[in-house]
Amino acid sequence: MATAAGSSVGAATVQEGRSVAQFVDRWIFVFMAGLFFLTVMAGFIPDSVGKIMALRAGLRPPFPAVLHFHAVLMGSWILLLLVQTTLMATGRSAVHKQLGLAGLFLAPAIVIVGSFVVPAMFHYNWTLVHSAPSGALPVPLEVAERFMSSLVAFQIAAGLLFSVFVAIALMARRHDVGLHKRLMILATAVPLPAAIDRIVWLPTTYPQSALSPVLYTLVWITPMLAWDLIRHKRLHKAYIIWFAIFIPVVIVVMNLWWTPWWVGTVERMMGVAS
C-alpha cells in the first residue's frame, strides 16, 4: 500500500513538473516580448515627455521627421513581436503565419529608415550641444562631441546585427521553428539598449565606455537563455549563432569607442570636422 501510494505521488509530481515545463516552454517567448515592450515604455515614455516639454518651452528645436518614422516602425516591431509570440502560445499558428508577412516588410524598413536616422540625429544633437548656453551641458563640450561620434559605431553595429539576425530567423521559419523564434527575440534585443539607456536610474558606463549597453543586452536575454539551459541541458544553436556574430562585432565597437581615429572619421563623414 505504501509503495503504491508513493509511486502514485511520484508519478503525480513528475506529471506536474512536465506540465509546468510545457507551460514555460509555451509562454517564455511571450514573457520576453512583454519584457522588451515594458523596457521600451519605461525608457522612451519619460524621455519623450521630457523632450516634448522642452520643445514646447522653446528649449530645443523640432525633431527630424525621419525620427518619427523610426519611432513608429520600431514601436510596430515590438508590438508585432508581442502579438506573434502570443498567437503561437495560444495555438493560432495560421494567424501567426499570415501576420508574419508584415515582418518581411517591416524589418527592411527599420534598417533603411535607421540608416537615415543616424546622421539626422547626429546633426540634430551636434547643433543642440553647440547652441546650448555656457554651463548648460552636463559634461564638457569636447566630451559630448566624442560621445556622439563614438555612439555612431554602436548604432551602425546595431543596425547590421539586427539585419543579420532577422534575416537568419526569417530564412529558418519553415524548417527550424526553434531557431526562428529564438533569433527573432535575440535580434530585437540588439537595439534594445536605445531604450535601456534612457532608464535613468540604471548604472551606466557612458560616455567613456560602451560596456553597459552590451552587458544590459546580455542581462535582458538571460531569462530565455537560462530557461533553455535548464530545460534542455545544452546551449541551443540560436545562441551559438548569436554569440558567434555578436561578440566579434561588440569587440570592434569597444575598440573604436572614444578613439581619436574613430571620432575624427565620424566627424569627417558627418561634415562637422574642424
C-alpha atoms as a PDB file:
ATOM      1  CA  MET A   1       0.000   0.000   0.000  1.00  0.00           C
ATOM      2  CA  ALA A   2       2.728   2.430   0.993  1.00  0.00           C
ATOM      3  CA  THR A   3       4.724   1.546  -2.093  1.00  0.00           C
ATOM      4  CA  ALA A   4       1.702   2.023  -4.350  1.00  0.00           C
ATOM      5  CA  ALA A   5       0.874   5.341  -2.668  1.00  0.00           C
ATOM      6  CA  GLY A   6       4.479   6.504  -3.009  1.00  0.00           C
ATOM      7  CA  SER A   7       4.519   5.581  -6.675  1.00  0.00           C
ATOM      8  CA  SER A   8       1.291   7.485  -7.260  1.00  0.00           C
ATOM      9  CA  VAL A   9       2.675  10.588  -5.548  1.00  0.00           C
ATOM     10  CA  GLY A  10       5.901  10.310  -7.536  1.00  0.00           C
ATOM     11  CA  ALA A  11       4.025   9.955 -10.815  1.00  0.00           C
ATOM     12  CA  ALA A  12       1.852  12.946  -9.944  1.00  0.00           C
ATOM     13  CA  THR A  13       4.934  15.028  -9.148  1.00  0.00           C
ATOM     14  CA  VAL A  14       6.569  14.108 -12.441  1.00  0.00           C
ATOM     15  CA  GLN A  15       3.385  14.935 -14.330  1.00  0.00           C
ATOM     16  CA  GLU A  16       3.093  18.268 -12.541  1.00  0.00           C
ATOM     17  CA  GLY A  17       6.713  19.038 -13.398  1.00  0.00           C
ATOM     18  CA  ARG A  18       6.061  18.260 -17.038  1.00  0.00           C
ATOM     19  CA  SER A  19       3.006  20.490 -17.054  1.00  0.00           C
ATOM     20  CA  VAL A  20       4.978  23.400 -15.604  1.00  0.00           C
ATOM     21  CA  ALA A  21       7.795  22.872 -18.112  1.00  0.00           C
ATOM     22  CA  GLN A  22       5.337  22.773 -21.006  1.00  0.00           C
ATOM     23  CA  PHE A  23       3.683  25.939 -19.736  1.00  0.00           C
ATOM     24  CA  VAL A  24       7.014  27.780 -19.580  1.00  0.00           C
ATOM     25  CA  ASP A  25       8.019  26.390 -22.979  1.00  0.00           C
ATOM     26  CA  ARG A  26       4.877  27.949 -24.417  1.00  0.00           C
ATOM     27  CA  TRP A  27       4.967  31.300 -22.644  1.00  0.00           C
ATOM     28  CA  ILE A  28       8.682  32.137 -22.223  1.00  0.00           C
ATOM     29  CA  PHE A  29       8.735  33.876 -25.609  1.00  0.00           C
ATOM     30  CA  VAL A  30       5.659  35.924 -24.711  1.00  0.00           C
ATOM     31  CA  PHE A  31       7.404  36.867 -21.477  1.00  0.00           C
ATOM     32  CA  MET A  32      10.484  38.010 -23.397  1.00  0.00           C
ATOM     33  CA  ALA A  33       8.434  40.061 -25.848  1.00  0.00           C
ATOM     34  CA  GLY A  34       6.497  41.570 -22.935  1.00  0.00           C
ATOM     35  CA  LEU A  35       9.750  42.376 -21.132  1.00  0.00           C
ATOM     36  CA  PHE A  36      11.050  44.149 -24.239  1.00  0.00           C
ATOM     37  CA  PHE A  37       7.770  46.045 -24.619  1.00  0.00           C
ATOM     38  CA  LEU A  38       7.831  47.224 -20.991  1.00  0.00           C
ATOM     39  CA  THR A  39      11.501  48.193 -21.341  1.00  0.00           C
ATOM     40  CA  VAL A  40      10.708  50.354 -24.359  1.00  0.00           C
ATOM     41  CA  MET A  41       7.850  52.004 -22.488  1.00  0.00           C
ATOM     42  CA  ALA A  42       9.974  52.595 -19.381  1.00  0.00           C
ATOM     43  CA  GLY A  43      12.807  54.081 -21.406  1.00  0.00           C
ATOM     44  CA  PHE A  44      11.095  56.142 -24.052  1.00  0.00           C
ATOM     45  CA  ILE A  45       7.921  57.471 -22.436  1.00  0.00           C
ATOM     46  CA  PRO A  46       9.570  59.565 -19.673  1.00  0.00           C
ATOM     47  CA  ASP A  47      12.364  60.600 -22.040  1.00  0.00           C
ATOM     48  CA  SER A  48       9.926  61.614 -24.788  1.00  0.00           C
ATOM     49  CA  VAL A  49       7.686  63.525 -22.388  1.00  0.00           C
ATOM     50  CA  GLY A  50      10.678  65.493 -21.094  1.00  0.00           C
ATOM     51  CA  LYS A  51      11.863  66.329 -24.601  1.00  0.00           C
ATOM     52  CA  ILE A  52       8.393  67.340 -25.774  1.00  0.00           C
ATOM     53  CA  MET A  53       8.067  69.679 -22.800  1.00  0.00           C
ATOM     54  CA  ALA A  54      11.467  71.183 -23.634  1.00  0.00           C
ATOM     55  CA  LEU A  55      10.375  71.562 -27.251  1.00  0.00           C
ATOM     56  CA  ARG A  56       7.191  73.376 -26.255  1.00  0.00           C
ATOM     57  CA  ALA A  57       9.191  75.615 -23.940  1.00  0.00           C
ATOM     58  CA  GLY A  58      11.465  76.551 -26.832  1.00  0.00           C
ATOM     59  CA  LEU A  59      14.496  74.905 -25.242  1.00  0.00           C
ATOM     60  CA  ARG A  60      15.205  72.580 -28.173  1.00  0.00           C
ATOM     61  CA  PRO A  61      14.457  72.573 -31.930  1.00  0.00           C
ATOM     62  CA  PRO A  62      11.834  70.270 -33.542  1.00  0.00           C
ATOM     63  CA  PHE A  63      12.866  66.666 -34.062  1.00  0.00           C
ATOM     64  CA  PRO A  64      13.864  65.464 -37.547  1.00  0.00           C
ATOM     65  CA  ALA A  65      10.874  63.993 -39.413  1.00  0.00           C
ATOM     66  CA  VAL A  66      12.745  60.725 -40.003  1.00  0.00           C
ATOM     67  CA  LEU A  67      12.896  60.168 -36.246  1.00  0.00           C
ATOM     68  CA  HIS A  68       9.100  59.948 -36.081  1.00  0.00           C
ATOM     69  CA  PHE A  69       9.067  57.316 -38.842  1.00  0.00           C
ATOM     70  CA  HIS A  70      11.740  55.369 -36.974  1.00  0.00           C
ATOM     71  CA  ALA A  71       9.743  55.501 -33.735  1.00  0.00           C
ATOM     72  CA  VAL A  72       6.599  54.229 -35.461  1.00  0.00           C
ATOM     73  CA  LEU A  73       8.469  51.396 -37.176  1.00  0.00           C
ATOM     74  CA  MET A  74      10.302  50.231 -34.042  1.00  0.00           C
ATOM     75  CA  GLY A  75       7.140  50.527 -31.960  1.00  0.00           C
ATOM     76  CA  SER A  76       5.306  48.446 -34.551  1.00  0.00           C
ATOM     77  CA  TRP A  77       8.072  45.845 -34.477  1.00  0.00           C
ATOM     78  CA  ILE A  78       7.901  45.458 -30.691  1.00  0.00           C
ATOM     79  CA  LEU A  79       4.106  45.187 -30.807  1.00  0.00           C
ATOM     80  CA  LEU A  80       4.297  42.683 -33.663  1.00  0.00           C
ATOM     81  CA  LEU A  81       6.747  40.561 -31.675  1.00  0.00           C
ATOM     82  CA  LEU A  82       4.404  40.551 -28.682  1.00  0.00           C
ATOM     83  CA  VAL A  83       1.372  39.679 -30.810  1.00  0.00           C
ATOM     84  CA  GLN A  84       3.209  36.972 -32.743  1.00  0.00           C
ATOM     85  CA  THR A  85       4.553  35.226 -29.655  1.00  0.00           C
ATOM     86  CA  THR A  86       1.088  35.379 -28.063  1.00  0.00           C
ATOM     87  CA  LEU A  87      -0.518  33.881 -31.166  1.00  0.00           C
ATOM     88  CA  MET A  88       1.887  30.942 -31.063  1.00  0.00           C
ATOM     89  CA  ALA A  89       1.432  30.467 -27.312  1.00  0.00           C
ATOM     90  CA  THR A  90      -2.341  30.280 -27.774  1.00  0.00           C
ATOM     91  CA  GLY A  91      -2.147  27.878 -30.707  1.00  0.00           C
ATOM     92  CA  ARG A  92      -3.132  30.275 -33.505  1.00  0.00           C
ATOM     93  CA  SER A  93      -0.261  29.440 -35.830  1.00  0.00           C
ATOM     94  CA  ALA A  94      -2.243  30.142 -39.016  1.00  0.00           C
ATOM     95  CA  VAL A  95      -2.837  33.754 -37.998  1.00  0.00           C
ATOM     96  CA  HIS A  96       0.794  33.970 -36.890  1.00  0.00           C
ATOM     97  CA  LYS A  97       1.964  32.962 -40.377  1.00  0.00           C
ATOM     98  CA  GLN A  98      -0.345  35.451 -42.082  1.00  0.00           C
ATOM     99  CA  LEU A  99       0.682  38.311 -39.797  1.00  0.00           C
ATOM    100  CA  GLY A 100       4.326  37.310 -40.184  1.00  0.00           C
ATOM    101  CA  LEU A 101       4.243  38.727 -43.707  1.00  0.00           C
ATOM    102  CA  ALA A 102       4.248  42.168 -42.082  1.00  0.00           C
ATOM    103  CA  GLY A 103       7.653  41.397 -40.605  1.00  0.00           C
ATOM    104  CA  LEU A 104       9.069  40.737 -44.078  1.00  0.00           C
ATOM    105  CA  PHE A 105       8.383  44.382 -44.953  1.00  0.00           C
ATOM    106  CA  LEU A 106       8.829  45.927 -41.518  1.00  0.00           C
ATOM    107  CA  ALA A 107      12.376  44.677 -40.860  1.00  0.00           C
ATOM    108  CA  PRO A 108      13.932  46.142 -44.045  1.00  0.00           C
ATOM    109  CA  ALA A 109      12.010  49.375 -43.493  1.00  0.00           C
ATOM    110  CA  ILE A 110      13.507  49.662 -39.999  1.00  0.00           C
ATOM    111  CA  VAL A 111      17.030  49.195 -41.351  1.00  0.00           C
ATOM    112  CA  ILE A 112      16.564  51.624 -44.241  1.00  0.00           C
ATOM    113  CA  VAL A 113      14.994  54.343 -42.112  1.00  0.00           C
ATOM    114  CA  GLY A 114      17.589  53.714 -39.404  1.00  0.00           C
ATOM    115  CA  SER A 115      20.373  54.487 -41.893  1.00  0.00           C
ATOM    116  CA  PHE A 116      18.872  57.965 -42.236  1.00  0.00           C
ATOM    117  CA  VAL A 117      18.195  58.377 -38.521  1.00  0.00           C
ATOM    118  CA  VAL A 118      21.870  58.008 -37.554  1.00  0.00           C
ATOM    119  CA  PRO A 119      23.176  61.058 -39.471  1.00  0.00           C
ATOM    120  CA  ALA A 120      19.986  63.048 -38.856  1.00  0.00           C
ATOM    121  CA  MET A 121      20.212  62.630 -35.079  1.00  0.00           C
ATOM    122  CA  PHE A 122      23.957  63.209 -35.098  1.00  0.00           C
ATOM    123  CA  HIS A 123      23.492  66.610 -36.740  1.00  0.00           C
ATOM    124  CA  TYR A 124      20.495  67.369 -34.524  1.00  0.00           C
ATOM    125  CA  ASN A 125      22.431  66.672 -31.331  1.00  0.00           C
ATOM    126  CA  TRP A 126      25.570  68.359 -32.654  1.00  0.00           C
ATOM    127  CA  THR A 127      23.588  71.553 -33.261  1.00  0.00           C
ATOM    128  CA  LEU A 128      21.893  71.188 -29.883  1.00  0.00           C
ATOM    129  CA  VAL A 129      25.095  70.935 -27.844  1.00  0.00           C
ATOM    130  CA  HIS A 130      26.817  73.721 -29.769  1.00  0.00           C
ATOM    131  CA  SER A 131      23.894  76.088 -29.323  1.00  0.00           C
ATOM    132  CA  ALA A 132      23.493  75.357 -25.592  1.00  0.00           C
ATOM    133  CA  PRO A 133      24.192  78.286 -23.250  1.00  0.00           C
ATOM    134  CA  SER A 134      27.523  78.254 -21.462  1.00  0.00           C
ATOM    135  CA  GLY A 135      27.435  75.890 -18.492  1.00  0.00           C
ATOM    136  CA  ALA A 136      24.145  74.292 -19.548  1.00  0.00           C
ATOM    137  CA  LEU A 137      25.672  70.999 -20.688  1.00  0.00           C
ATOM    138  CA  PRO A 138      26.085  68.249 -18.045  1.00  0.00           C
ATOM    139  CA  VAL A 139      29.525  67.417 -19.495  1.00  0.00           C
ATOM    140  CA  PRO A 140      32.219  69.488 -21.244  1.00  0.00           C
ATOM    141  CA  LEU A 141      31.546  70.180 -24.925  1.00  0.00           C
ATOM    142  CA  GLU A 142      34.505  68.044 -26.047  1.00  0.00           C
ATOM    143  CA  VAL A 143      33.163  65.059 -24.102  1.00  0.00           C
ATOM    144  CA  ALA A 144      29.716  65.499 -25.669  1.00  0.00           C
ATOM    145  CA  GLU A 145      31.266  65.621 -29.144  1.00  0.00           C
ATOM    146  CA  ARG A 146      33.335  62.480 -28.580  1.00  0.00           C
ATOM    147  CA  PHE A 147      30.338  60.634 -27.159  1.00  0.00           C
ATOM    148  CA  MET A 148      28.150  61.451 -30.163  1.00  0.00           C
ATOM    149  CA  SER A 149      30.853  60.291 -32.566  1.00  0.00           C
ATOM    150  CA  SER A 150      31.563  57.137 -30.551  1.00  0.00           C
ATOM    151  CA  LEU A 151      27.864  56.308 -30.410  1.00  0.00           C
ATOM    152  CA  VAL A 152      27.728  56.084 -34.198  1.00  0.00           C
ATOM    153  CA  ALA A 153      29.806  52.868 -34.014  1.00  0.00           C
ATOM    154  CA  PHE A 154      27.235  51.283 -31.726  1.00  0.00           C
ATOM    155  CA  GLN A 155      24.346  52.464 -33.910  1.00  0.00           C
ATOM    156  CA  ILE A 156      25.893  51.063 -37.094  1.00  0.00           C
ATOM    157  CA  ALA A 157      26.656  47.766 -35.342  1.00  0.00           C
ATOM    158  CA  ALA A 158      23.095  47.514 -34.004  1.00  0.00           C
ATOM    159  CA  GLY A 159      21.652  48.031 -37.472  1.00  0.00           C
ATOM    160  CA  LEU A 160      23.920  45.422 -39.033  1.00  0.00           C
ATOM    161  CA  LEU A 161      23.364  42.841 -36.299  1.00  0.00           C
ATOM    162  CA  PHE A 162      19.604  43.334 -36.325  1.00  0.00           C
ATOM    163  CA  SER A 163      19.578  42.834 -40.112  1.00  0.00           C
ATOM    164  CA  VAL A 164      21.680  39.669 -39.980  1.00  0.00           C
ATOM    165  CA  PHE A 165      19.781  38.010 -37.134  1.00  0.00           C
ATOM    166  CA  VAL A 166      16.343  38.810 -38.552  1.00  0.00           C
ATOM    167  CA  ALA A 167      17.441  37.510 -41.966  1.00  0.00           C
ATOM    168  CA  ILE A 168      18.636  34.213 -40.459  1.00  0.00           C
ATOM    169  CA  ALA A 169      15.461  33.937 -38.370  1.00  0.00           C
ATOM    170  CA  LEU A 170      13.202  34.501 -41.378  1.00  0.00           C
ATOM    171  CA  MET A 171      15.097  32.003 -43.509  1.00  0.00           C
ATOM    172  CA  ALA A 172      14.669  29.398 -40.749  1.00  0.00           C
ATOM    173  CA  ARG A 173      10.954  29.969 -40.184  1.00  0.00           C
ATOM    174  CA  ARG A 174       9.853  26.986 -42.301  1.00  0.00           C
ATOM    175  CA  HIS A 175      12.443  24.330 -41.437  1.00  0.00           C
ATOM    176  CA  ASP A 176      13.572  25.244 -37.901  1.00  0.00           C
ATOM    177  CA  VAL A 177      10.910  26.861 -35.722  1.00  0.00           C
ATOM    178  CA  GLY A 178      13.091  26.767 -32.604  1.00  0.00           C
ATOM    179  CA  LEU A 179      15.862  28.722 -34.291  1.00  0.00           C
ATOM    180  CA  HIS A 180      13.368  31.141 -35.826  1.00  0.00           C
ATOM    181  CA  LYS A 181      11.587  32.143 -32.635  1.00  0.00           C
ATOM    182  CA  ARG A 182      14.741  32.464 -30.560  1.00  0.00           C
ATOM    183  CA  LEU A 183      16.598  34.555 -33.133  1.00  0.00           C
ATOM    184  CA  MET A 184      13.626  36.889 -33.533  1.00  0.00           C
ATOM    185  CA  ILE A 185      13.890  37.610 -29.813  1.00  0.00           C
ATOM    186  CA  LEU A 186      17.685  37.864 -29.905  1.00  0.00           C
ATOM    187  CA  ALA A 187      17.585  40.171 -32.942  1.00  0.00           C
ATOM    188  CA  THR A 188      15.213  42.514 -31.127  1.00  0.00           C
ATOM    189  CA  ALA A 189      17.477  42.550 -28.071  1.00  0.00           C
ATOM    190  CA  VAL A 190      20.296  44.135 -30.101  1.00  0.00           C
ATOM    191  CA  PRO A 191      18.766  47.641 -30.486  1.00  0.00           C
ATOM    192  CA  LEU A 192      17.067  47.443 -27.063  1.00  0.00           C
ATOM    193  CA  PRO A 193      19.842  49.476 -25.307  1.00  0.00           C
ATOM    194  CA  ALA A 194      18.361  52.534 -27.025  1.00  0.00           C
ATOM    195  CA  ALA A 195      15.522  52.173 -24.506  1.00  0.00           C
ATOM    196  CA  ILE A 196      17.578  50.783 -21.613  1.00  0.00           C
ATOM    197  CA  ASP A 197      19.997  53.732 -21.776  1.00  0.00           C
ATOM    198  CA  ARG A 198      17.047  56.062 -21.166  1.00  0.00           C
ATOM    199  CA  ILE A 199      16.097  54.394 -17.872  1.00  0.00           C
ATOM    200  CA  VAL A 200      17.936  56.978 -15.818  1.00  0.00           C
ATOM    201  CA  TRP A 201      18.190  55.024 -12.557  1.00  0.00           C
ATOM    202  CA  LEU A 202      20.226  52.225 -14.147  1.00  0.00           C
ATOM    203  CA  PRO A 203      24.020  52.499 -13.773  1.00  0.00           C
ATOM    204  CA  THR A 204      25.914  53.340 -16.940  1.00  0.00           C
ATOM    205  CA  THR A 205      29.471  53.385 -18.237  1.00  0.00           C
ATOM    206  CA  TYR A 206      28.636  56.171 -20.691  1.00  0.00           C
ATOM    207  CA  PRO A 207      30.139  58.324 -22.049  1.00  0.00           C
ATOM    208  CA  GLN A 208      33.687  56.912 -21.923  1.00  0.00           C
ATOM    209  CA  SER A 209      32.732  53.251 -22.444  1.00  0.00           C
ATOM    210  CA  ALA A 210      30.078  51.228 -24.285  1.00  0.00           C
ATOM    211  CA  LEU A 211      30.292  48.352 -21.804  1.00  0.00           C
ATOM    212  CA  SER A 212      26.989  48.985 -20.013  1.00  0.00           C
ATOM    213  CA  PRO A 213      24.678  48.640 -23.063  1.00  0.00           C
ATOM    214  CA  VAL A 214      26.469  45.420 -24.009  1.00  0.00           C
ATOM    215  CA  LEU A 215      26.048  43.999 -20.512  1.00  0.00           C
ATOM    216  CA  TYR A 216      22.412  45.067 -20.344  1.00  0.00           C
ATOM    217  CA  THR A 217      21.737  43.296 -23.645  1.00  0.00           C
ATOM    218  CA  LEU A 218      23.101  40.103 -22.110  1.00  0.00           C
ATOM    219  CA  VAL A 219      21.075  40.606 -18.930  1.00  0.00           C
ATOM    220  CA  TRP A 220      17.864  41.147 -20.885  1.00  0.00           C
ATOM    221  CA  ILE A 221      18.205  37.864 -22.814  1.00  0.00           C
ATOM    222  CA  THR A 222      19.082  35.894 -19.667  1.00  0.00           C
ATOM    223  CA  PRO A 223      15.536  34.645 -18.826  1.00  0.00           C
ATOM    224  CA  MET A 224      15.167  32.867 -22.169  1.00  0.00           C
ATOM    225  CA  LEU A 225      18.769  31.655 -22.192  1.00  0.00           C
ATOM    226  CA  ALA A 226      18.556  30.374 -18.609  1.00  0.00           C
ATOM    227  CA  TRP A 227      15.305  28.522 -19.260  1.00  0.00           C
ATOM    228  CA  ASP A 228      16.733  26.831 -22.340  1.00  0.00           C
ATOM    229  CA  LEU A 229      19.762  25.678 -20.375  1.00  0.00           C
ATOM    230  CA  ILE A 230      17.600  24.384 -17.534  1.00  0.00           C
ATOM    231  CA  ARG A 231      15.112  22.700 -19.851  1.00  0.00           C
ATOM    232  CA  HIS A 232      17.430  21.194 -22.460  1.00  0.00           C
ATOM    233  CA  LYS A 233      20.743  20.989 -20.558  1.00  0.00           C
ATOM    234  CA  ARG A 234      22.568  22.470 -23.550  1.00  0.00           C
ATOM    235  CA  LEU A 235      23.069  25.712 -25.410  1.00  0.00           C
ATOM    236  CA  HIS A 236      20.611  25.995 -28.285  1.00  0.00           C
ATOM    237  CA  LYS A 237      22.249  26.692 -31.648  1.00  0.00           C
ATOM    238  CA  ALA A 238      20.400  30.018 -31.843  1.00  0.00           C
ATOM    239  CA  TYR A 239      22.620  31.334 -29.042  1.00  0.00           C
ATOM    240  CA  ILE A 240      25.743  29.877 -30.634  1.00  0.00           C
ATOM    241  CA  ILE A 241      24.961  31.757 -33.852  1.00  0.00           C
ATOM    242  CA  TRP A 242      24.076  34.912 -31.932  1.00  0.00           C
ATOM    243  CA  PHE A 243      27.189  34.947 -29.754  1.00  0.00           C
ATOM    244  CA  ALA A 244      29.452  33.987 -32.666  1.00  0.00           C
ATOM    245  CA  ILE A 245      28.364  37.110 -34.546  1.00  0.00           C
ATOM    246  CA  PHE A 246      27.521  39.454 -31.664  1.00  0.00           C
ATOM    247  CA  ILE A 247      30.761  39.161 -29.686  1.00  0.00           C
ATOM    248  CA  PRO A 248      33.231  39.978 -32.515  1.00  0.00           C
ATOM    249  CA  VAL A 249      31.142  42.981 -33.567  1.00  0.00           C
ATOM    250  CA  VAL A 250      30.972  44.210 -29.980  1.00  0.00           C
ATOM    251  CA  ILE A 251      34.741  43.849 -29.639  1.00  0.00           C
ATOM    252  CA  VAL A 252      35.198  46.043 -32.717  1.00  0.00           C
ATOM    253  CA  VAL A 253      32.823  48.662 -31.306  1.00  0.00           C
ATOM    254  CA  MET A 254      34.554  48.638 -27.926  1.00  0.00           C
ATOM    255  CA  ASN A 255      37.926  49.163 -29.601  1.00  0.00           C
ATOM    256  CA  LEU A 256      36.645  52.018 -31.760  1.00  0.00           C
ATOM    257  CA  TRP A 257      34.819  53.753 -28.894  1.00  0.00           C
ATOM    258  CA  TRP A 258      36.382  57.032 -27.765  1.00  0.00           C
ATOM    259  CA  THR A 259      39.427  56.658 -30.019  1.00  0.00           C
ATOM    260  CA  PRO A 260      40.650  59.820 -31.779  1.00  0.00           C
ATOM    261  CA  TRP A 261      40.737  57.972 -35.111  1.00  0.00           C
ATOM    262  CA  TRP A 262      37.088  56.918 -34.963  1.00  0.00           C
ATOM    263  CA  VAL A 263      35.905  60.262 -33.591  1.00  0.00           C
ATOM    264  CA  GLY A 264      37.749  62.082 -36.368  1.00  0.00           C
ATOM    265  CA  THR A 265      36.424  59.682 -39.016  1.00  0.00           C
ATOM    266  CA  VAL A 266      32.810  60.198 -37.938  1.00  0.00           C
ATOM    267  CA  GLU A 267      33.205  63.970 -37.791  1.00  0.00           C
ATOM    268  CA  ARG A 268      34.599  63.978 -41.324  1.00  0.00           C
ATOM    269  CA  MET A 269      31.822  61.674 -42.541  1.00  0.00           C
ATOM    270  CA  MET A 270      29.226  63.974 -40.980  1.00  0.00           C
ATOM    271  CA  GLY A 271      30.888  67.108 -42.342  1.00  0.00           C
ATOM    272  CA  VAL A 272      31.496  68.705 -38.952  1.00  0.00           C
ATOM    273  CA  ALA A 273      35.275  68.242 -38.668  1.00  0.00           C
ATOM    274  CA  SER A 274      37.056  71.485 -37.834  1.00  0.00           C
END
